[in-house]
C-alpha atoms as a PDB file:
ATOM      1  CA  UNK A   1      62.720 -21.385 -16.070  1.00  0.00           C
ATOM      2  CA  UNK A   2      62.985 -17.484 -16.197  1.00  0.00           C
ATOM      3  CA  UNK A   3      61.225 -17.304 -19.339  1.00  0.00           C
ATOM      4  CA  UNK A   4      58.240 -19.185 -18.538  1.00  0.00           C
ATOM      5  CA  UNK A   5      58.251 -17.437 -15.287  1.00  0.00           C
ATOM      6  CA  UNK A   6      57.764 -14.221 -17.785  1.00  0.00           C
ATOM      7  CA  UNK A   7      55.499 -15.733 -19.648  1.00  0.00           C
ATOM      8  CA  UNK A   8      53.035 -16.836 -17.151  1.00  0.00           C
ATOM      9  CA  UNK A   9      53.292 -12.894 -15.552  1.00  0.00           C
ATOM     10  CA  UNK A  10      52.704 -11.423 -19.138  1.00  0.00           C
ATOM     11  CA  UNK A  11      49.783 -14.195 -19.458  1.00  0.00           C
ATOM     12  CA  UNK A  12      48.636 -13.038 -15.780  1.00  0.00           C
ATOM     13  CA  UNK A  13      48.501  -9.223 -16.779  1.00  0.00           C
ATOM     14  CA  UNK A  14      46.411  -9.885 -19.606  1.00  0.00           C
ATOM     15  CA  UNK A  15      43.828 -11.795 -17.827  1.00  0.00           C
ATOM     16  CA  UNK A  16      43.615  -9.552 -15.043  1.00  0.00           C
ATOM     17  CA  UNK A  17      43.400  -6.269 -17.538  1.00  0.00           C
ATOM     18  CA  UNK A  18      40.693  -8.175 -20.086  1.00  0.00           C
ATOM     19  CA  UNK A  19      38.991  -9.044 -16.901  1.00  0.00           C
ATOM     20  CA  UNK A  20      38.921  -5.429 -15.529  1.00  0.00           C
ATOM     21  CA  UNK A  21      38.329  -4.231 -19.350  1.00  0.00           C
ATOM     22  CA  UNK A  22      35.201  -7.021 -19.507  1.00  0.00           C
ATOM     23  CA  UNK A  23      33.848  -5.582 -15.560  1.00  0.00           C
ATOM     24  CA  UNK A  24      34.291  -1.797 -16.880  1.00  0.00           C
ATOM     25  CA  UNK A  25      31.918  -2.731 -20.043  1.00  0.00           C
ATOM     26  CA  UNK A  26      28.803  -4.170 -18.050  1.00  0.00           C
ATOM     27  CA  UNK A  27      26.392  -1.313 -18.080  1.00  0.00           C
ATOM     28  CA  UNK A  28      25.948  -0.010 -14.434  1.00  0.00           C
ATOM     29  CA  UNK A  29      22.578  -1.092 -13.176  1.00  0.00           C
ATOM     30  CA  UNK A  30      20.600   1.854 -10.798  1.00  0.00           C
ATOM     31  CA  UNK A  31      17.689   0.546  -8.846  1.00  0.00           C
ATOM     32  CA  UNK A  32      14.884   2.620  -8.264  1.00  0.00           C
ATOM     33  CA  UNK A  33      11.474   2.442  -5.904  1.00  0.00           C
ATOM     34  CA  UNK A  34       9.072   3.984  -7.203  1.00  0.00           C
ATOM     35  CA  UNK A  35       4.785   4.791  -7.291  1.00  0.00           C
ATOM     36  CA  UNK A  36       5.242   6.301 -10.425  1.00  0.00           C
ATOM     37  CA  UNK A  37       2.571   4.501 -13.379  1.00  0.00           C
ATOM     38  CA  UNK A  38       5.065   2.254 -15.224  1.00  0.00           C
ATOM     39  CA  UNK A  39       4.499   3.768 -18.604  1.00  0.00           C
ATOM     40  CA  UNK A  40       5.717   6.529 -16.997  1.00  0.00           C
ATOM     41  CA  UNK A  41       8.869   5.018 -15.049  1.00  0.00           C
ATOM     42  CA  UNK A  42       9.237   2.445 -18.451  1.00  0.00           C
ATOM     43  CA  UNK A  43       9.337   5.881 -20.890  1.00  0.00           C
ATOM     44  CA  UNK A  44      11.822   8.031 -18.406  1.00  0.00           C
ATOM     45  CA  UNK A  45      14.202   4.841 -17.774  1.00  0.00           C
ATOM     46  CA  UNK A  46      14.520   4.014 -21.631  1.00  0.00           C
ATOM     47  CA  UNK A  47      15.280   7.396 -22.215  1.00  0.00           C
ATOM     48  CA  UNK A  48      17.625   7.441 -19.448  1.00  0.00           C
ATOM     49  CA  UNK A  49      19.439   4.621 -20.919  1.00  0.00           C
ATOM     50  CA  UNK A  50      19.066   5.223 -23.953  1.00  0.00           C
ATOM     51  CA  UNK A  51      21.310   8.073 -23.247  1.00  0.00           C
ATOM     52  CA  UNK A  52      23.804   7.340 -20.334  1.00  0.00           C
ATOM     53  CA  UNK A  53      23.983   3.326 -20.911  1.00  0.00           C
ATOM     54  CA  UNK A  54      22.829   2.595 -17.963  1.00  0.00           C
ATOM     55  CA  UNK A  55      20.611   0.058 -16.887  1.00  0.00           C
ATOM     56  CA  UNK A  56      17.885   0.359 -14.660  1.00  0.00           C
ATOM     57  CA  UNK A  57      15.965  -2.251 -12.394  1.00  0.00           C
ATOM     58  CA  UNK A  58      12.707  -1.374 -10.889  1.00  0.00           C
ATOM     59  CA  UNK A  59      10.008  -1.881  -8.331  1.00  0.00           C
ATOM     60  CA  UNK A  60       6.924  -0.189  -8.564  1.00  0.00           C
ATOM     61  CA  UNK A  61       4.959  -0.147  -5.888  1.00  0.00           C
ATOM     62  CA  UNK A  62       2.381   1.913  -3.332  1.00  0.00           C
ATOM     63  CA  UNK A  63       4.295   4.372  -1.002  1.00  0.00           C
ATOM     64  CA  UNK A  64       3.372   2.731   2.073  1.00  0.00           C
ATOM     65  CA  UNK A  65       4.786  -0.768   1.150  1.00  0.00           C
ATOM     66  CA  UNK A  66       8.006   0.828  -0.188  1.00  0.00           C
ATOM     67  CA  UNK A  67       8.933   1.986   2.913  1.00  0.00           C
ATOM     68  CA  UNK A  68       7.958  -1.118   4.690  1.00  0.00           C
ATOM     69  CA  UNK A  69      10.716  -2.703   2.091  1.00  0.00           C
ATOM     70  CA  UNK A  70      13.089   0.081   2.817  1.00  0.00           C
ATOM     71  CA  UNK A  71      12.450  -0.581   6.400  1.00  0.00           C
ATOM     72  CA  UNK A  72      13.107  -4.545   6.186  1.00  0.00           C
ATOM     73  CA  UNK A  73      16.176  -3.768   4.337  1.00  0.00           C
ATOM     74  CA  UNK A  74      17.666  -1.475   6.436  1.00  0.00           C
ATOM     75  CA  UNK A  75      16.859  -3.791   9.423  1.00  0.00           C
ATOM     76  CA  UNK A  76      18.950  -6.164   7.614  1.00  0.00           C
ATOM     77  CA  UNK A  77      22.315  -4.212   6.965  1.00  0.00           C
ATOM     78  CA  UNK A  78      21.173  -2.628   3.332  1.00  0.00           C
ATOM     79  CA  UNK A  79      18.468  -0.902   1.121  1.00  0.00           C
ATOM     80  CA  UNK A  80      18.799  -2.292  -1.951  1.00  0.00           C
ATOM     81  CA  UNK A  81      17.329   0.997  -3.341  1.00  0.00           C
ATOM     82  CA  UNK A  82      19.724   3.723  -5.298  1.00  0.00           C
ATOM     83  CA  UNK A  83      16.536   5.813  -6.097  1.00  0.00           C
ATOM     84  CA  UNK A  84      12.995   6.615  -4.660  1.00  0.00           C
ATOM     85  CA  UNK A  85      10.202   8.756  -6.011  1.00  0.00           C
ATOM     86  CA  UNK A  86       7.207   8.317  -4.967  1.00  0.00           C
ATOM     87  CA  UNK A  87       3.975  11.211  -3.383  1.00  0.00           C
ATOM     88  CA  UNK A  88       3.562  10.089   0.064  1.00  0.00           C
ATOM     89  CA  UNK A  89       6.193  13.538   1.217  1.00  0.00           C
ATOM     90  CA  UNK A  90       6.009  12.817   4.760  1.00  0.00           C
ATOM     91  CA  UNK A  91       8.445   9.859   4.087  1.00  0.00           C
ATOM     92  CA  UNK A  92      10.906  11.800   2.547  1.00  0.00           C
ATOM     93  CA  UNK A  93      11.118  14.108   5.497  1.00  0.00           C
ATOM     94  CA  UNK A  94      11.121  10.737   8.131  1.00  0.00           C
ATOM     95  CA  UNK A  95      13.889   9.524   5.682  1.00  0.00           C
ATOM     96  CA  UNK A  96      15.822  13.042   5.740  1.00  0.00           C
ATOM     97  CA  UNK A  97      15.570  12.747   9.741  1.00  0.00           C
ATOM     98  CA  UNK A  98      17.133   9.581   9.682  1.00  0.00           C
ATOM     99  CA  UNK A  99      19.826  10.122   7.995  1.00  0.00           C
ATOM    100  CA  UNK A 100      18.779   7.475   4.944  1.00  0.00           C
ATOM    101  CA  UNK A 101      19.150  10.170   2.334  1.00  0.00           C
ATOM    102  CA  UNK A 102      22.303  11.891   0.482  1.00  0.00           C
ATOM    103  CA  UNK A 103      22.331  15.496   0.086  1.00  0.00           C
ATOM    104  CA  UNK A 104      22.623  15.972  -3.092  1.00  0.00           C
ATOM    105  CA  UNK A 105      21.812  19.080  -5.487  1.00  0.00           C
ATOM    106  CA  UNK A 106      21.112  18.636  -9.545  1.00  0.00           C
ATOM    107  CA  UNK A 107      22.342  20.521 -12.100  1.00  0.00           C
ATOM    108  CA  UNK A 108      18.869  22.596 -12.794  1.00  0.00           C
ATOM    109  CA  UNK A 109      17.487  22.665  -9.517  1.00  0.00           C
ATOM    110  CA  UNK A 110      18.134  26.460  -9.322  1.00  0.00           C
ATOM    111  CA  UNK A 111      15.087  26.628 -12.068  1.00  0.00           C
ATOM    112  CA  UNK A 112      12.581  24.189 -10.939  1.00  0.00           C
ATOM    113  CA  UNK A 113       9.108  25.390  -9.461  1.00  0.00           C
ATOM    114  CA  UNK A 114       9.596  23.776  -6.117  1.00  0.00           C
ATOM    115  CA  UNK A 115       7.097  24.578  -3.372  1.00  0.00           C
ATOM    116  CA  UNK A 116       8.390  21.993  -0.588  1.00  0.00           C
ATOM    117  CA  UNK A 117      10.769  23.424   2.504  1.00  0.00           C
ATOM    118  CA  UNK A 118      13.266  22.689   4.602  1.00  0.00           C
ATOM    119  CA  UNK A 119      14.837  20.073   2.072  1.00  0.00           C
ATOM    120  CA  UNK A 120      18.433  20.900   2.226  1.00  0.00           C
ATOM    121  CA  UNK A 121      19.232  19.538  -1.030  1.00  0.00           C
ATOM    122  CA  UNK A 122      18.401  15.507   0.477  1.00  0.00           C
ATOM    123  CA  UNK A 123      15.386  15.719  -1.935  1.00  0.00           C
ATOM    124  CA  UNK A 124      13.261  17.711  -4.732  1.00  0.00           C
ATOM    125  CA  UNK A 125      10.272  17.478  -6.285  1.00  0.00           C
ATOM    126  CA  UNK A 126      10.593  16.158  -9.725  1.00  0.00           C
ATOM    127  CA  UNK A 127       6.639  16.222 -10.757  1.00  0.00           C
ATOM    128  CA  UNK A 128       3.546  18.512  -9.111  1.00  0.00           C
ATOM    129  CA  UNK A 129       1.180  15.733  -9.332  1.00  0.00           C
ATOM    130  CA  UNK A 130      -2.754  16.523  -9.190  1.00  0.00           C
ATOM    131  CA  UNK A 131      -5.765  15.256  -7.969  1.00  0.00           C
ATOM    132  CA  UNK A 132      -9.492  15.786  -9.069  1.00  0.00           C
ATOM    133  CA  UNK A 133     -12.780  14.388  -8.972  1.00  0.00           C
ATOM    134  CA  UNK A 134     -12.890  11.555 -11.406  1.00  0.00           C
ATOM    135  CA  UNK A 135     -16.025  11.130 -12.886  1.00  0.00           C
ATOM    136  CA  UNK A 136     -18.507   7.994 -14.803  1.00  0.00           C
ATOM    137  CA  UNK A 137     -19.758  10.199 -17.777  1.00  0.00           C
ATOM    138  CA  UNK A 138     -22.257   7.813 -18.543  1.00  0.00           C
ATOM    139  CA  UNK A 139     -23.905   7.968 -15.021  1.00  0.00           C
ATOM    140  CA  UNK A 140     -23.062  11.885 -14.065  1.00  0.00           C
ATOM    141  CA  UNK A 141     -24.724  13.782 -16.871  1.00  0.00           C
ATOM    142  CA  UNK A 142     -24.126  17.235 -15.478  1.00  0.00           C
ATOM    143  CA  UNK A 143     -20.270  17.054 -14.363  1.00  0.00           C
ATOM    144  CA  UNK A 144     -19.284  18.251 -10.777  1.00  0.00           C
ATOM    145  CA  UNK A 145     -18.945  22.040  -9.761  1.00  0.00           C
ATOM    146  CA  UNK A 146     -16.935  22.051  -6.757  1.00  0.00           C
ATOM    147  CA  UNK A 147     -15.865  19.543  -3.885  1.00  0.00           C
ATOM    148  CA  UNK A 148     -19.019  20.497  -2.506  1.00  0.00           C
ATOM    149  CA  UNK A 149     -20.774  18.638  -4.871  1.00  0.00           C
ATOM    150  CA  UNK A 150     -19.736  15.612  -3.419  1.00  0.00           C
ATOM    151  CA  UNK A 151     -22.301  16.213  -1.027  1.00  0.00           C
ATOM    152  CA  UNK A 152     -25.392  15.977  -3.279  1.00  0.00           C
ATOM    153  CA  UNK A 153     -28.052  12.926  -4.127  1.00  0.00           C
ATOM    154  CA  UNK A 154     -26.224  12.393  -6.996  1.00  0.00           C
ATOM    155  CA  UNK A 155     -23.094  11.163  -5.777  1.00  0.00           C
ATOM    156  CA  UNK A 156     -24.714   9.058  -2.796  1.00  0.00           C
ATOM    157  CA  UNK A 157     -23.159   6.103  -1.933  1.00  0.00           C
ATOM    158  CA  UNK A 158     -21.409   6.025  -5.471  1.00  0.00           C
ATOM    159  CA  UNK A 159     -18.055   8.072  -4.308  1.00  0.00           C
ATOM    160  CA  UNK A 160     -15.002   7.021  -2.885  1.00  0.00           C
ATOM    161  CA  UNK A 161     -11.419   7.424  -1.865  1.00  0.00           C
ATOM    162  CA  UNK A 162      -8.109   5.017  -1.784  1.00  0.00           C
ATOM    163  CA  UNK A 163      -6.944   4.144   1.208  1.00  0.00           C
ATOM    164  CA  UNK A 164      -4.227   6.649   2.327  1.00  0.00           C
ATOM    165  CA  UNK A 165      -2.587   4.413   4.319  1.00  0.00           C
ATOM    166  CA  UNK A 166      -1.150   2.461   1.461  1.00  0.00           C
ATOM    167  CA  UNK A 167      -1.444   5.248  -1.098  1.00  0.00           C
ATOM    168  CA  UNK A 168       0.784   8.282  -0.778  1.00  0.00           C
ATOM    169  CA  UNK A 169      -1.301  10.321  -3.108  1.00  0.00           C
ATOM    170  CA  UNK A 170      -4.720   9.543  -1.152  1.00  0.00           C
ATOM    171  CA  UNK A 171      -2.585  10.420   2.226  1.00  0.00           C
ATOM    172  CA  UNK A 172      -1.787  13.784   0.495  1.00  0.00           C
ATOM    173  CA  UNK A 173      -5.472  14.265  -1.167  1.00  0.00           C
ATOM    174  CA  UNK A 174      -6.989  13.721   2.446  1.00  0.00           C
ATOM    175  CA  UNK A 175      -4.291  15.954   4.218  1.00  0.00           C
ATOM    176  CA  UNK A 176      -5.180  18.855   1.651  1.00  0.00           C
ATOM    177  CA  UNK A 177      -9.070  18.622   1.707  1.00  0.00           C
ATOM    178  CA  UNK A 178      -8.539  18.341   5.770  1.00  0.00           C
ATOM    179  CA  UNK A 179      -6.724  21.653   5.382  1.00  0.00           C
ATOM    180  CA  UNK A 180      -9.240  23.309   3.052  1.00  0.00           C
ATOM    181  CA  UNK A 181     -12.111  21.918   4.984  1.00  0.00           C
ATOM    182  CA  UNK A 182     -11.991  20.088   7.720  1.00  0.00           C
ATOM    183  CA  UNK A 183     -13.076  17.103   9.052  1.00  0.00           C
ATOM    184  CA  UNK A 184     -17.107  17.858   9.028  1.00  0.00           C
ATOM    185  CA  UNK A 185     -16.354  17.872   5.323  1.00  0.00           C
ATOM    186  CA  UNK A 186     -15.599  14.303   5.177  1.00  0.00           C
ATOM    187  CA  UNK A 187     -18.236  13.457   8.183  1.00  0.00           C
ATOM    188  CA  UNK A 188     -20.810  15.253   5.635  1.00  0.00           C
ATOM    189  CA  UNK A 189     -19.029  12.558   2.681  1.00  0.00           C
ATOM    190  CA  UNK A 190     -19.750   9.665   4.834  1.00  0.00           C
ATOM    191  CA  UNK A 191     -23.211  10.427   5.942  1.00  0.00           C
ATOM    192  CA  UNK A 192     -24.005  10.340   2.229  1.00  0.00           C
ATOM    193  CA  UNK A 193     -21.873   6.970   1.272  1.00  0.00           C
ATOM    194  CA  UNK A 194     -18.699   8.022   0.368  1.00  0.00           C
ATOM    195  CA  UNK A 195     -16.180   5.226   1.670  1.00  0.00           C
ATOM    196  CA  UNK A 196     -12.298   3.962   1.190  1.00  0.00           C
ATOM    197  CA  UNK A 197     -11.548   1.411  -1.338  1.00  0.00           C
ATOM    198  CA  UNK A 198      -8.685  -0.055  -2.945  1.00  0.00           C
ATOM    199  CA  UNK A 199      -5.875   1.763  -4.269  1.00  0.00           C
ATOM    200  CA  UNK A 200      -5.359   4.665  -7.009  1.00  0.00           C
ATOM    201  CA  UNK A 201      -5.717   2.495  -9.837  1.00  0.00           C
ATOM    202  CA  UNK A 202      -8.565   0.696  -8.708  1.00  0.00           C
ATOM    203  CA  UNK A 203     -10.275   4.192  -8.080  1.00  0.00           C
ATOM    204  CA  UNK A 204     -10.179   4.961 -11.529  1.00  0.00           C
ATOM    205  CA  UNK A 205     -10.918   1.973 -12.965  1.00  0.00           C
ATOM    206  CA  UNK A 206     -14.182   1.752 -10.504  1.00  0.00           C
ATOM    207  CA  UNK A 207     -15.573   4.848 -11.673  1.00  0.00           C
ATOM    208  CA  UNK A 208     -14.657   3.888 -15.474  1.00  0.00           C
ATOM    209  CA  UNK A 209     -16.696   0.539 -14.854  1.00  0.00           C
ATOM    210  CA  UNK A 210     -19.818   2.397 -13.098  1.00  0.00           C
ATOM    211  CA  UNK A 211     -18.759   0.852  -9.890  1.00  0.00           C
ATOM    212  CA  UNK A 212     -18.667   4.072  -8.448  1.00  0.00           C
ATOM    213  CA  UNK A 213     -19.806   7.269  -9.902  1.00  0.00           C
ATOM    214  CA  UNK A 214     -16.774   9.338  -8.969  1.00  0.00           C
ATOM    215  CA  UNK A 215     -14.118   8.883  -6.657  1.00  0.00           C
ATOM    216  CA  UNK A 216     -10.872  11.253  -5.849  1.00  0.00           C
ATOM    217  CA  UNK A 217      -8.600  10.188  -8.392  1.00  0.00           C
ATOM    218  CA  UNK A 218      -4.820  10.744  -9.400  1.00  0.00           C
ATOM    219  CA  UNK A 219      -4.805  12.951 -12.605  1.00  0.00           C
ATOM    220  CA  UNK A 220      -2.471  11.057 -15.173  1.00  0.00           C
ATOM    221  CA  UNK A 221      -3.952   7.493 -14.188  1.00  0.00           C
ATOM    222  CA  UNK A 222      -7.383   9.011 -15.243  1.00  0.00           C
ATOM    223  CA  UNK A 223      -6.301  10.437 -18.318  1.00  0.00           C
ATOM    224  CA  UNK A 224      -4.982   7.264 -19.411  1.00  0.00           C
ATOM    225  CA  UNK A 225      -7.928   5.560 -19.004  1.00  0.00           C
ATOM    226  CA  UNK A 226     -10.051   8.483 -20.815  1.00  0.00           C
ATOM    227  CA  UNK A 227      -7.693   7.671 -23.278  1.00  0.00           C
ATOM    228  CA  UNK A 228      -8.307   4.164 -23.702  1.00  0.00           C
ATOM    229  CA  UNK A 229     -12.219   5.334 -24.649  1.00  0.00           C
ATOM    230  CA  UNK A 230     -13.564   4.449 -21.151  1.00  0.00           C
ATOM    231  CA  UNK A 231     -16.397   7.082 -20.004  1.00  0.00           C
ATOM    232  CA  UNK A 232     -14.472   8.659 -17.640  1.00  0.00           C
ATOM    233  CA  UNK A 233     -13.609  12.441 -17.087  1.00  0.00           C
ATOM    234  CA  UNK A 234     -11.919  14.739 -14.807  1.00  0.00           C
ATOM    235  CA  UNK A 235     -13.158  17.987 -13.031  1.00  0.00           C
ATOM    236  CA  UNK A 236     -10.724  20.188 -10.938  1.00  0.00           C
ATOM    237  CA  UNK A 237     -12.612  22.165  -8.575  1.00  0.00           C
ATOM    238  CA  UNK A 238     -11.218  26.151  -7.880  1.00  0.00           C
ATOM    239  CA  UNK A 239      -9.165  24.842  -4.889  1.00  0.00           C
ATOM    240  CA  UNK A 240      -6.676  22.538  -6.575  1.00  0.00           C
ATOM    241  CA  UNK A 241      -4.846  19.306  -4.623  1.00  0.00           C
ATOM    242  CA  UNK A 242      -0.987  20.035  -6.257  1.00  0.00           C
ATOM    243  CA  UNK A 243       1.052  17.375  -4.688  1.00  0.00           C
ATOM    244  CA  UNK A 244       4.986  17.241  -5.202  1.00  0.00           C
ATOM    245  CA  UNK A 245       6.183  13.873  -5.987  1.00  0.00           C
ATOM    246  CA  UNK A 246      10.130  13.947  -4.754  1.00  0.00           C
ATOM    247  CA  UNK A 247      13.175  12.031  -5.357  1.00  0.00           C
ATOM    248  CA  UNK A 248      15.936  11.235  -3.061  1.00  0.00           C
ATOM    249  CA  UNK A 249      18.825   9.255  -3.546  1.00  0.00           C
ATOM    250  CA  UNK A 250      20.044   6.608  -0.325  1.00  0.00           C
ATOM    251  CA  UNK A 251      23.054   7.710   1.564  1.00  0.00           C
ATOM    252  CA  UNK A 252      24.405   3.783   1.163  1.00  0.00           C
ATOM    253  CA  UNK A 253      23.394   3.700  -2.569  1.00  0.00           C
ATOM    254  CA  UNK A 254      25.934   0.945  -3.850  1.00  0.00           C
ATOM    255  CA  UNK A 255      26.006   2.888  -7.409  1.00  0.00           C
ATOM    256  CA  UNK A 256      25.875   6.595  -6.047  1.00  0.00           C
ATOM    257  CA  UNK A 257      27.129   8.022  -9.151  1.00  0.00           C
ATOM    258  CA  UNK A 258      24.465   6.587 -11.267  1.00  0.00           C
ATOM    259  CA  UNK A 259      21.790   7.382  -9.210  1.00  0.00           C
ATOM    260  CA  UNK A 260      23.406  11.489  -9.037  1.00  0.00           C
ATOM    261  CA  UNK A 261      22.681  11.266 -13.436  1.00  0.00           C
ATOM    262  CA  UNK A 262      19.167  10.175 -12.638  1.00  0.00           C
ATOM    263  CA  UNK A 263      18.041  12.899 -10.748  1.00  0.00           C
ATOM    264  CA  UNK A 264      20.242  15.306 -13.357  1.00  0.00           C
ATOM    265  CA  UNK A 265      18.291  13.451 -15.686  1.00  0.00           C
ATOM    266  CA  UNK A 266      14.418  14.049 -14.181  1.00  0.00           C
ATOM    267  CA  UNK A 267      14.817  17.522 -14.505  1.00  0.00           C
ATOM    268  CA  UNK A 268      16.136  18.193 -17.725  1.00  0.00           C
ATOM    269  CA  UNK A 269      13.621  19.499 -19.885  1.00  0.00           C
ATOM    270  CA  UNK A 270      13.539  15.837 -21.644  1.00  0.00           C
ATOM    271  CA  UNK A 271      12.432  14.307 -18.890  1.00  0.00           C
ATOM    272  CA  UNK A 272      10.049  16.899 -17.865  1.00  0.00           C
ATOM    273  CA  UNK A 273       8.645  16.925 -21.181  1.00  0.00           C
ATOM    274  CA  UNK A 274       7.643  12.854 -20.607  1.00  0.00           C
ATOM    275  CA  UNK A 275       6.269  14.146 -17.531  1.00  0.00           C
ATOM    276  CA  UNK A 276       3.970  16.903 -18.873  1.00  0.00           C
ATOM    277  CA  UNK A 277       3.016  14.651 -21.696  1.00  0.00           C
ATOM    278  CA  UNK A 278       1.657  11.869 -19.452  1.00  0.00           C
ATOM    279  CA  UNK A 279      -0.891  13.993 -17.910  1.00  0.00           C
ATOM    280  CA  UNK A 280       0.439  15.418 -14.860  1.00  0.00           C
ATOM    281  CA  UNK A 281       2.449  18.576 -14.437  1.00  0.00           C
ATOM    282  CA  UNK A 282       5.945  19.254 -14.616  1.00  0.00           C
ATOM    283  CA  UNK A 283       8.583  21.144 -12.319  1.00  0.00           C
ATOM    284  CA  UNK A 284       9.647  23.478 -14.939  1.00  0.00           C
ATOM    285  CA  UNK A 285       7.643  26.995 -15.666  1.00  0.00           C
ATOM    286  CA  UNK A 286       9.015  26.390 -19.791  1.00  0.00           C
ATOM    287  CA  UNK A 287       7.249  23.155 -20.893  1.00  0.00           C
ATOM    288  CA  UNK A 288       3.861  24.103 -22.628  1.00  0.00           C
ATOM    289  CA  UNK A 289       0.717  22.566 -21.296  1.00  0.00           C
ATOM    290  CA  UNK A 290      -0.512  19.409 -23.416  1.00  0.00           C
ATOM    291  CA  UNK A 291      -3.476  20.131 -25.212  1.00  0.00           C
ATOM    292  CA  UNK A 292      -4.583  16.397 -24.392  1.00  0.00           C
ATOM    293  CA  UNK A 293      -5.487  17.418 -21.217  1.00  0.00           C
ATOM    294  CA  UNK A 294      -7.704  19.463 -19.368  1.00  0.00           C
ATOM    295  CA  UNK A 295      -5.370  19.579 -16.036  1.00  0.00           C
ATOM    296  CA  UNK A 296      -4.679  23.428 -15.854  1.00  0.00           C
ATOM    297  CA  UNK A 297      -0.826  25.003 -17.094  1.00  0.00           C
ATOM    298  CA  UNK A 298       1.956  24.542 -14.086  1.00  0.00           C
ATOM    299  CA  UNK A 299       1.673  27.995 -12.619  1.00  0.00           C
ATOM    300  CA  UNK A 300      -1.999  28.370 -12.600  1.00  0.00           C
ATOM    301  CA  UNK A 301      -2.461  24.739 -10.544  1.00  0.00           C
ATOM    302  CA  UNK A 302      -0.031  26.184  -8.071  1.00  0.00           C
ATOM    303  CA  UNK A 303      -2.057  29.864  -7.999  1.00  0.00           C
ATOM    304  CA  UNK A 304      -5.043  27.625  -7.192  1.00  0.00           C
ATOM    305  CA  UNK A 305      -3.162  25.281  -4.879  1.00  0.00           C
ATOM    306  CA  UNK A 306      -4.090  24.680  -1.260  1.00  0.00           C
ATOM    307  CA  UNK A 307      -2.182  25.722   0.851  1.00  0.00           C
ATOM    308  CA  UNK A 308       0.565  22.805   1.924  1.00  0.00           C
ATOM    309  CA  UNK A 309       1.424  23.776   5.541  1.00  0.00           C
ATOM    310  CA  UNK A 310       4.737  21.370   5.432  1.00  0.00           C
ATOM    311  CA  UNK A 311       4.698  21.389   9.505  1.00  0.00           C
ATOM    312  CA  UNK A 312       1.776  20.394   9.987  1.00  0.00           C
ATOM    313  CA  UNK A 313       1.929  17.444   7.332  1.00  0.00           C
ATOM    314  CA  UNK A 314       4.718  16.610   9.762  1.00  0.00           C
ATOM    315  CA  UNK A 315       3.330  16.528  12.863  1.00  0.00           C
ATOM    316  CA  UNK A 316      -0.359  16.111  12.033  1.00  0.00           C
ATOM    317  CA  UNK A 317      -0.497  13.081   9.018  1.00  0.00           C
ATOM    318  CA  UNK A 318      -0.902  10.233  11.332  1.00  0.00           C
ATOM    319  CA  UNK A 319      -3.626  11.894  13.696  1.00  0.00           C
ATOM    320  CA  UNK A 320      -5.612  13.122  10.311  1.00  0.00           C
ATOM    321  CA  UNK A 321      -5.317   9.954   8.780  1.00  0.00           C
ATOM    322  CA  UNK A 322      -6.606   7.941  11.372  1.00  0.00           C
ATOM    323  CA  UNK A 323      -9.350  10.288  12.075  1.00  0.00           C
ATOM    324  CA  UNK A 324     -10.396  10.087   8.584  1.00  0.00           C
ATOM    325  CA  UNK A 325     -10.766   5.987   8.770  1.00  0.00           C
ATOM    326  CA  UNK A 326     -12.357   6.529  11.479  1.00  0.00           C
ATOM    327  CA  UNK A 327     -15.040   8.577  10.134  1.00  0.00           C
ATOM    328  CA  UNK A 328     -15.349   6.729   7.114  1.00  0.00           C
ATOM    329  CA  UNK A 329     -16.190   3.422   8.562  1.00  0.00           C
END
């Protein structure tokens, strides 16, 4: 009987050890909510997984939709994402104030070109997106020369914005243009027939198809479309729209260690080269500009950037968007 008891104990121990071994052998799964384009996030997560053996699941959507999802999950008791990476900067200050984010300073943070203030290491930019005037080269024979060009007859009734209520980049673009030129500029655009369309991808698709002649467009979406052979080009006025795209880790992440590794990875030279090569700006100055695009080098872009007054952004975002929507009706 005693031998049988010992044998059963040994079998149980072996079974437990085997189960633990099987569990530890399973790759971790990191959940990322992001508004970055599918091709970029796919390339980055594939490289990350290859180097860490951490599996990644992504939800790709507009910043507004992602925040609605996060609020719903929060109300249900658990935010399911580990990491969030979008371009709607006010959301990150809101999440910080709501105590939703983990304070973490990744390896390499001291080397970043970081225009953000008062983040207290709760989030950091992983790229510096740009917006410019995308135009259809079959329709517009003389490229625009400034933001004021959009008030001319060539663009009458044929210029559109993405909806800033759902698109983080559109919101930031509208805010920066308001900061530089005021609401009278939007009134002039509306008087010239400018209107609000759908999302950022819609703007680029509509320009490429000729539905509109031009639109306020995101850099890498425009360059992807141009590389496919569409008749579309990007013009950057002297006053540039440079939009930080922050990444953050949720405080209640179920996979904190993996999330920290991913944020570390995002600001490595390897990841920043992939970001740069996709047609947007890196946050490391040592990454040479890609010759494929007419986007200015990151240091030039930052020197030309419309000043992002972050305290005004946080305080005035809703008022600026509401006024813009009212003007564009």
